[in-house]
Amino acid sequence: MHAADPERHSSIGGCRCDPVVLRWTGRQNPGVRAGRARSLVVEMAEEKRGCVMGSLVGLLLVLVVAVGLVGCSSSDPLAVEFRHSPAHERANSFDASGLAVDDDVVCGHGTEEIVGYESVDGVELSRQEVDEVMGQAMDAGTVGEIVIVEEWTCSDDSGSFTMRFNNRIDFATLEPEGEHDVGTWEITEGTGAYSALTGSGEVTLDLDAGLMFETGEVQS
């Protein structure tokens, strides 16, 4: 028998399997040739089986890596509700509840403190300028709109996060009692456990309860 073609290969599952090259030199006993043939067939079968197993192991490793990458993705948005006093002259305490608190995405208690005021165009305002803007809107019975920037610090020392409130009050429809939608909120940055925290939602002022509520979703 002549040597097998060295350019012929078998490919199984993306694995390149080189065949066993068969060579006979000289004259040999038929029984010997048959024995060697059987041995070589077994060798080729073992080689192909090893190639297939190697391909399967490689495929399993790829799947494991892919599942691991999916598992490392950021959390899905979770519902949260913040509650606190609407007073802004001092640092207030806040409480939070919802799935985001249950899953430790955000803390359940802490303090809030104003760190700045802005116009809706992003221009910094003093407290006096804020009072003038809102006072003029109240006297005219129109909409007053400002941005309040606050730093919220968790009482368990897990970190803090910045809340931006786009306060929008329609003095034409504002009543001295009941609940009123007064704007939106957004978490823009954080420290510690909340360095990647983001979130947004609606702001409701409950004049009967004397509380401000921020409802929405957060994630990290």
C-alpha atoms as a PDB file:
ATOM      1  CA  MET A   1       0.000   0.000   0.000  1.00  0.00           C
ATOM      2  CA  HIS A   2       1.243   3.478  -0.788  1.00  0.00           C
ATOM      3  CA  ALA A   3       1.501   6.335   1.701  1.00  0.00           C
ATOM      4  CA  ALA A   4      -1.713   8.273   2.342  1.00  0.00           C
ATOM      5  CA  ASP A   5      -2.086  11.770   0.856  1.00  0.00           C
ATOM      6  CA  PRO A   6      -0.504  14.143   3.421  1.00  0.00           C
ATOM      7  CA  GLU A   7      -2.821  16.979   2.260  1.00  0.00           C
ATOM      8  CA  ARG A   8      -5.998  15.137   3.300  1.00  0.00           C
ATOM      9  CA  HIS A   9      -7.310  16.018   6.726  1.00  0.00           C
ATOM     10  CA  SER A  10     -10.583  15.548   8.529  1.00  0.00           C
ATOM     11  CA  SER A  11     -12.266  18.454  10.315  1.00  0.00           C
ATOM     12  CA  ILE A  12     -14.655  17.710  13.176  1.00  0.00           C
ATOM     13  CA  GLY A  13     -16.342  20.535  15.049  1.00  0.00           C
ATOM     14  CA  GLY A  14     -13.743  23.016  13.822  1.00  0.00           C
ATOM     15  CA  CYS A  15     -10.884  20.774  14.957  1.00  0.00           C
ATOM     16  CA  ARG A  16      -8.304  19.806  12.335  1.00  0.00           C
ATOM     17  CA  CYS A  17      -7.480  16.117  12.657  1.00  0.00           C
ATOM     18  CA  ASP A  18      -4.437  14.820  10.795  1.00  0.00           C
ATOM     19  CA  PRO A  19      -4.795  11.232   9.507  1.00  0.00           C
ATOM     20  CA  VAL A  20      -2.386   8.474  10.365  1.00  0.00           C
ATOM     21  CA  VAL A  21       0.004   7.951   7.458  1.00  0.00           C
ATOM     22  CA  LEU A  22       0.100   4.273   6.450  1.00  0.00           C
ATOM     23  CA  ARG A  23       3.335   2.937   5.005  1.00  0.00           C
ATOM     24  CA  TRP A  24       4.438  -0.564   4.075  1.00  0.00           C
ATOM     25  CA  THR A  25       7.947  -1.287   2.943  1.00  0.00           C
ATOM     26  CA  GLY A  26       9.007  -4.601   1.490  1.00  0.00           C
ATOM     27  CA  ARG A  27       7.004  -7.790   1.373  1.00  0.00           C
ATOM     28  CA  GLN A  28       5.143  -8.824   4.465  1.00  0.00           C
ATOM     29  CA  ASN A  29       3.063 -11.769   5.594  1.00  0.00           C
ATOM     30  CA  PRO A  30      -0.697 -11.207   4.927  1.00  0.00           C
ATOM     31  CA  GLY A  31      -1.505 -11.966   8.552  1.00  0.00           C
ATOM     32  CA  VAL A  32       0.986  -9.380   9.727  1.00  0.00           C
ATOM     33  CA  ARG A  33      -0.425  -6.827   7.305  1.00  0.00           C
ATOM     34  CA  ALA A  34      -3.963  -7.510   8.563  1.00  0.00           C
ATOM     35  CA  GLY A  35      -2.907  -7.137  12.189  1.00  0.00           C
ATOM     36  CA  ARG A  36      -1.149  -3.867  11.496  1.00  0.00           C
ATOM     37  CA  ALA A  37      -4.160  -2.619   9.550  1.00  0.00           C
ATOM     38  CA  ARG A  38      -6.456  -3.353  12.470  1.00  0.00           C
ATOM     39  CA  SER A  39      -4.047  -1.590  14.818  1.00  0.00           C
ATOM     40  CA  LEU A  40      -3.884   1.471  12.596  1.00  0.00           C
ATOM     41  CA  VAL A  41      -7.687   1.609  12.278  1.00  0.00           C
ATOM     42  CA  VAL A  42      -7.958   1.606  16.077  1.00  0.00           C
ATOM     43  CA  GLU A  43      -5.299   4.339  16.271  1.00  0.00           C
ATOM     44  CA  MET A  44      -7.175   6.504  13.763  1.00  0.00           C
ATOM     45  CA  ALA A  45     -10.456   6.023  15.642  1.00  0.00           C
ATOM     46  CA  GLU A  46      -8.806   7.050  18.932  1.00  0.00           C
ATOM     47  CA  GLU A  47      -7.296  10.125  17.280  1.00  0.00           C
ATOM     48  CA  LYS A  48     -10.643  11.242  15.859  1.00  0.00           C
ATOM     49  CA  ARG A  49     -12.391  10.639  19.166  1.00  0.00           C
ATOM     50  CA  GLY A  50      -9.810  12.761  20.954  1.00  0.00           C
ATOM     51  CA  CYS A  51     -10.250  15.510  18.382  1.00  0.00           C
ATOM     52  CA  VAL A  52     -14.036  15.525  18.856  1.00  0.00           C
ATOM     53  CA  MET A  53     -13.732  15.579  22.648  1.00  0.00           C
ATOM     54  CA  GLY A  54     -11.319  18.507  22.420  1.00  0.00           C
ATOM     55  CA  SER A  55     -13.791  20.415  20.265  1.00  0.00           C
ATOM     56  CA  LEU A  56     -16.630  19.757  22.715  1.00  0.00           C
ATOM     57  CA  VAL A  57     -14.550  20.943  25.658  1.00  0.00           C
ATOM     58  CA  GLY A  58     -13.677  24.129  23.760  1.00  0.00           C
ATOM     59  CA  LEU A  59     -17.347  24.752  23.011  1.00  0.00           C
ATOM     60  CA  LEU A  60     -18.283  24.291  26.665  1.00  0.00           C
ATOM     61  CA  LEU A  61     -15.605  26.794  27.714  1.00  0.00           C
ATOM     62  CA  VAL A  62     -17.011  29.360  25.269  1.00  0.00           C
ATOM     63  CA  LEU A  63     -20.501  28.874  26.728  1.00  0.00           C
ATOM     64  CA  VAL A  64     -19.217  29.238  30.290  1.00  0.00           C
ATOM     65  CA  VAL A  65     -17.477  32.512  29.425  1.00  0.00           C
ATOM     66  CA  ALA A  66     -20.596  33.817  27.678  1.00  0.00           C
ATOM     67  CA  VAL A  67     -22.808  33.003  30.669  1.00  0.00           C
ATOM     68  CA  GLY A  68     -20.284  34.644  32.979  1.00  0.00           C
ATOM     69  CA  LEU A  69     -20.333  37.852  30.939  1.00  0.00           C
ATOM     70  CA  VAL A  70     -24.127  37.974  31.053  1.00  0.00           C
ATOM     71  CA  GLY A  71     -24.052  37.500  34.809  1.00  0.00           C
ATOM     72  CA  CYS A  72     -21.744  40.520  35.220  1.00  0.00           C
ATOM     73  CA  SER A  73     -24.190  42.983  33.676  1.00  0.00           C
ATOM     74  CA  SER A  74     -25.557  45.859  35.702  1.00  0.00           C
ATOM     75  CA  SER A  75     -28.750  45.405  37.700  1.00  0.00           C
ATOM     76  CA  ASP A  76     -32.156  46.078  36.206  1.00  0.00           C
ATOM     77  CA  PRO A  77     -33.967  49.255  37.289  1.00  0.00           C
ATOM     78  CA  LEU A  78     -35.771  48.765  40.603  1.00  0.00           C
ATOM     79  CA  ALA A  79     -38.627  50.751  42.096  1.00  0.00           C
ATOM     80  CA  VAL A  80     -37.926  53.187  44.930  1.00  0.00           C
ATOM     81  CA  GLU A  81     -39.776  55.839  46.913  1.00  0.00           C
ATOM     82  CA  PHE A  82     -38.036  58.564  48.936  1.00  0.00           C
ATOM     83  CA  ARG A  83     -39.836  60.540  51.653  1.00  0.00           C
ATOM     84  CA  HIS A  84     -38.689  63.696  53.421  1.00  0.00           C
ATOM     85  CA  SER A  85     -39.713  67.142  54.632  1.00  0.00           C
ATOM     86  CA  PRO A  86     -40.151  69.800  51.914  1.00  0.00           C
ATOM     87  CA  ALA A  87     -38.266  72.344  54.039  1.00  0.00           C
ATOM     88  CA  HIS A  88     -34.984  73.498  52.476  1.00  0.00           C
ATOM     89  CA  GLU A  89     -33.561  75.768  55.146  1.00  0.00           C
ATOM     90  CA  ARG A  90     -31.739  72.942  56.918  1.00  0.00           C
ATOM     91  CA  ALA A  91     -30.474  69.420  56.459  1.00  0.00           C
ATOM     92  CA  ASN A  92     -33.372  66.974  56.528  1.00  0.00           C
ATOM     93  CA  SER A  93     -33.557  63.255  57.092  1.00  0.00           C
ATOM     94  CA  PHE A  94     -34.982  60.987  54.419  1.00  0.00           C
ATOM     95  CA  ASP A  95     -36.417  57.492  54.324  1.00  0.00           C
ATOM     96  CA  ALA A  96     -36.580  55.162  51.331  1.00  0.00           C
ATOM     97  CA  SER A  97     -38.476  51.977  50.537  1.00  0.00           C
ATOM     98  CA  GLY A  98     -39.092  49.628  47.628  1.00  0.00           C
ATOM     99  CA  LEU A  99     -37.294  46.834  45.784  1.00  0.00           C
ATOM    100  CA  ALA A 100     -34.178  48.987  45.384  1.00  0.00           C
ATOM    101  CA  VAL A 101     -33.835  49.183  49.174  1.00  0.00           C
ATOM    102  CA  ASP A 102     -34.656  45.493  49.645  1.00  0.00           C
ATOM    103  CA  ASP A 103     -31.860  44.571  47.192  1.00  0.00           C
ATOM    104  CA  ASP A 104     -29.362  47.035  48.771  1.00  0.00           C
ATOM    105  CA  VAL A 105     -29.135  49.103  45.589  1.00  0.00           C
ATOM    106  CA  VAL A 106     -29.749  52.203  47.702  1.00  0.00           C
ATOM    107  CA  CYS A 107     -29.873  52.799  51.451  1.00  0.00           C
ATOM    108  CA  GLY A 108     -33.092  53.169  53.415  1.00  0.00           C
ATOM    109  CA  HIS A 109     -32.170  56.153  55.616  1.00  0.00           C
ATOM    110  CA  GLY A 110     -29.946  59.211  55.568  1.00  0.00           C
ATOM    111  CA  THR A 111     -29.739  62.980  55.420  1.00  0.00           C
ATOM    112  CA  GLU A 112     -30.140  65.452  52.569  1.00  0.00           C
ATOM    113  CA  GLU A 113     -28.535  68.851  52.222  1.00  0.00           C
ATOM    114  CA  ILE A 114     -28.779  71.507  49.532  1.00  0.00           C
ATOM    115  CA  VAL A 115     -25.486  72.192  47.757  1.00  0.00           C
ATOM    116  CA  GLY A 116     -26.657  74.534  45.005  1.00  0.00           C
ATOM    117  CA  TYR A 117     -29.387  76.136  42.915  1.00  0.00           C
ATOM    118  CA  GLU A 118     -29.611  76.538  39.153  1.00  0.00           C
ATOM    119  CA  SER A 119     -31.924  77.929  36.529  1.00  0.00           C
ATOM    120  CA  VAL A 120     -33.445  75.468  34.048  1.00  0.00           C
ATOM    121  CA  ASP A 121     -30.710  76.642  31.655  1.00  0.00           C
ATOM    122  CA  GLY A 122     -27.970  75.512  34.054  1.00  0.00           C
ATOM    123  CA  VAL A 123     -27.018  78.973  35.389  1.00  0.00           C
ATOM    124  CA  GLU A 124     -26.081  79.015  39.075  1.00  0.00           C
ATOM    125  CA  LEU A 125     -28.477  80.942  41.317  1.00  0.00           C
ATOM    126  CA  SER A 126     -28.232  82.278  44.839  1.00  0.00           C
ATOM    127  CA  ARG A 127     -30.952  81.541  47.383  1.00  0.00           C
ATOM    128  CA  GLN A 128     -32.109  85.144  47.021  1.00  0.00           C
ATOM    129  CA  GLU A 129     -32.438  84.748  43.242  1.00  0.00           C
ATOM    130  CA  VAL A 130     -34.436  81.548  43.743  1.00  0.00           C
ATOM    131  CA  ASP A 131     -36.850  83.348  46.060  1.00  0.00           C
ATOM    132  CA  GLU A 132     -37.239  86.119  43.472  1.00  0.00           C
ATOM    133  CA  VAL A 133     -37.952  83.690  40.600  1.00  0.00           C
ATOM    134  CA  MET A 134     -40.536  81.698  42.549  1.00  0.00           C
ATOM    135  CA  GLY A 135     -42.025  84.820  44.156  1.00  0.00           C
ATOM    136  CA  GLN A 136     -42.593  86.472  40.804  1.00  0.00           C
ATOM    137  CA  ALA A 137     -44.245  83.327  39.430  1.00  0.00           C
ATOM    138  CA  MET A 138     -46.505  83.075  42.489  1.00  0.00           C
ATOM    139  CA  ASP A 139     -47.569  86.741  42.252  1.00  0.00           C
ATOM    140  CA  ALA A 140     -48.283  86.387  38.515  1.00  0.00           C
ATOM    141  CA  GLY A 141     -50.031  83.027  38.871  1.00  0.00           C
ATOM    142  CA  THR A 142     -47.673  81.380  36.395  1.00  0.00           C
ATOM    143  CA  VAL A 143     -45.210  78.473  36.449  1.00  0.00           C
ATOM    144  CA  GLY A 144     -42.072  78.812  38.553  1.00  0.00           C
ATOM    145  CA  GLU A 145     -39.210  76.479  37.680  1.00  0.00           C
ATOM    146  CA  ILE A 146     -35.785  76.039  39.264  1.00  0.00           C
ATOM    147  CA  VAL A 147     -33.235  73.263  39.812  1.00  0.00           C
ATOM    148  CA  ILE A 148     -32.191  72.303  43.335  1.00  0.00           C
ATOM    149  CA  VAL A 149     -29.029  70.218  43.754  1.00  0.00           C
ATOM    150  CA  GLU A 150     -28.768  68.153  46.930  1.00  0.00           C
ATOM    151  CA  GLU A 151     -26.262  65.762  48.464  1.00  0.00           C
ATOM    152  CA  TRP A 152     -27.891  62.717  50.064  1.00  0.00           C
ATOM    153  CA  THR A 153     -25.718  60.852  52.572  1.00  0.00           C
ATOM    154  CA  CYS A 154     -26.643  57.393  53.853  1.00  0.00           C
ATOM    155  CA  SER A 155     -26.698  56.923  57.621  1.00  0.00           C
ATOM    156  CA  ASP A 156     -24.926  53.541  57.396  1.00  0.00           C
ATOM    157  CA  ASP A 157     -21.786  55.182  55.927  1.00  0.00           C
ATOM    158  CA  SER A 158     -22.208  53.218  52.676  1.00  0.00           C
ATOM    159  CA  GLY A 159     -21.834  56.372  50.564  1.00  0.00           C
ATOM    160  CA  SER A 160     -23.687  59.350  49.148  1.00  0.00           C
ATOM    161  CA  PHE A 161     -25.318  60.456  45.907  1.00  0.00           C
ATOM    162  CA  THR A 162     -26.280  63.708  44.206  1.00  0.00           C
ATOM    163  CA  MET A 163     -29.956  64.408  43.565  1.00  0.00           C
ATOM    164  CA  ARG A 164     -31.041  67.058  41.069  1.00  0.00           C
ATOM    165  CA  PHE A 165     -34.606  68.294  41.450  1.00  0.00           C
ATOM    166  CA  ASN A 166     -36.250  70.097  38.572  1.00  0.00           C
ATOM    167  CA  ASN A 167     -38.917  71.861  40.635  1.00  0.00           C
ATOM    168  CA  ARG A 168     -41.823  73.037  38.533  1.00  0.00           C
ATOM    169  CA  ILE A 169     -44.774  74.599  40.360  1.00  0.00           C
ATOM    170  CA  ASP A 170     -47.857  75.870  38.569  1.00  0.00           C
ATOM    171  CA  PHE A 171     -49.125  78.598  40.896  1.00  0.00           C
ATOM    172  CA  ALA A 172     -52.254  78.983  38.791  1.00  0.00           C
ATOM    173  CA  THR A 173     -53.511  75.554  39.911  1.00  0.00           C
ATOM    174  CA  LEU A 174     -51.703  75.125  43.253  1.00  0.00           C
ATOM    175  CA  GLU A 175     -54.087  74.535  46.154  1.00  0.00           C
ATOM    176  CA  PRO A 176     -53.199  74.862  49.852  1.00  0.00           C
ATOM    177  CA  GLU A 177     -53.988  71.186  50.443  1.00  0.00           C
ATOM    178  CA  GLY A 178     -53.780  67.786  48.770  1.00  0.00           C
ATOM    179  CA  GLU A 179     -51.090  66.297  46.527  1.00  0.00           C
ATOM    180  CA  HIS A 180     -49.375  68.159  43.719  1.00  0.00           C
ATOM    181  CA  ASP A 181     -46.929  67.079  41.017  1.00  0.00           C
ATOM    182  CA  VAL A 182     -44.065  69.528  41.369  1.00  0.00           C
ATOM    183  CA  GLY A 183     -41.335  68.245  39.044  1.00  0.00           C
ATOM    184  CA  THR A 184     -38.820  65.476  38.465  1.00  0.00           C
ATOM    185  CA  TRP A 185     -35.677  64.138  40.106  1.00  0.00           C
ATOM    186  CA  GLU A 186     -32.466  62.531  38.836  1.00  0.00           C
ATOM    187  CA  ILE A 187     -29.434  60.913  40.462  1.00  0.00           C
ATOM    188  CA  THR A 188     -26.353  62.111  38.583  1.00  0.00           C
ATOM    189  CA  GLU A 189     -23.374  60.809  40.586  1.00  0.00           C
ATOM    190  CA  GLY A 190     -22.389  59.109  43.812  1.00  0.00           C
ATOM    191  CA  THR A 191     -19.633  57.919  46.114  1.00  0.00           C
ATOM    192  CA  GLY A 192     -18.839  54.656  47.874  1.00  0.00           C
ATOM    193  CA  ALA A 193     -21.424  51.962  47.172  1.00  0.00           C
ATOM    194  CA  TYR A 194     -23.291  54.424  44.947  1.00  0.00           C
ATOM    195  CA  SER A 195     -20.504  55.460  42.574  1.00  0.00           C
ATOM    196  CA  ALA A 196     -22.419  53.864  39.679  1.00  0.00           C
ATOM    197  CA  LEU A 197     -25.927  54.665  40.929  1.00  0.00           C
ATOM    198  CA  THR A 198     -28.357  56.302  38.506  1.00  0.00           C
ATOM    199  CA  GLY A 199     -32.077  56.920  38.667  1.00  0.00           C
ATOM    200  CA  SER A 200     -34.955  59.257  37.950  1.00  0.00           C
ATOM    201  CA  GLY A 201     -38.616  59.789  38.633  1.00  0.00           C
ATOM    202  CA  GLU A 202     -41.415  62.139  39.657  1.00  0.00           C
ATOM    203  CA  VAL A 203     -41.743  64.496  42.624  1.00  0.00           C
ATOM    204  CA  THR A 204     -45.020  64.842  44.531  1.00  0.00           C
ATOM    205  CA  LEU A 205     -45.734  67.378  47.271  1.00  0.00           C
ATOM    206  CA  ASP A 206     -48.316  66.232  49.824  1.00  0.00           C
ATOM    207  CA  LEU A 207     -49.427  69.356  51.682  1.00  0.00           C
ATOM    208  CA  ASP A 208     -51.720  67.388  53.994  1.00  0.00           C
ATOM    209  CA  ALA A 209     -48.877  65.146  55.207  1.00  0.00           C
ATOM    210  CA  GLY A 210     -46.256  67.874  54.972  1.00  0.00           C
ATOM    211  CA  LEU A 211     -43.989  65.553  53.006  1.00  0.00           C
ATOM    212  CA  MET A 212     -42.234  65.405  49.658  1.00  0.00           C
ATOM    213  CA  PHE A 213     -42.234  62.082  47.791  1.00  0.00           C
ATOM    214  CA  GLU A 214     -39.835  61.055  45.028  1.00  0.00           C
ATOM    215  CA  THR A 215     -41.001  57.920  43.197  1.00  0.00           C
ATOM    216  CA  GLY A 216     -39.206  56.226  40.327  1.00  0.00           C
ATOM    217  CA  GLU A 217     -36.467  53.701  39.603  1.00  0.00           C
ATOM    218  CA  VAL A 218     -32.747  53.367  40.351  1.00  0.00           C
ATOM    219  CA  GLN A 219     -29.999  50.996  39.236  1.00  0.00           C
ATOM    220  CA  SER A 220     -26.258  50.527  39.530  1.00  0.00           C
END
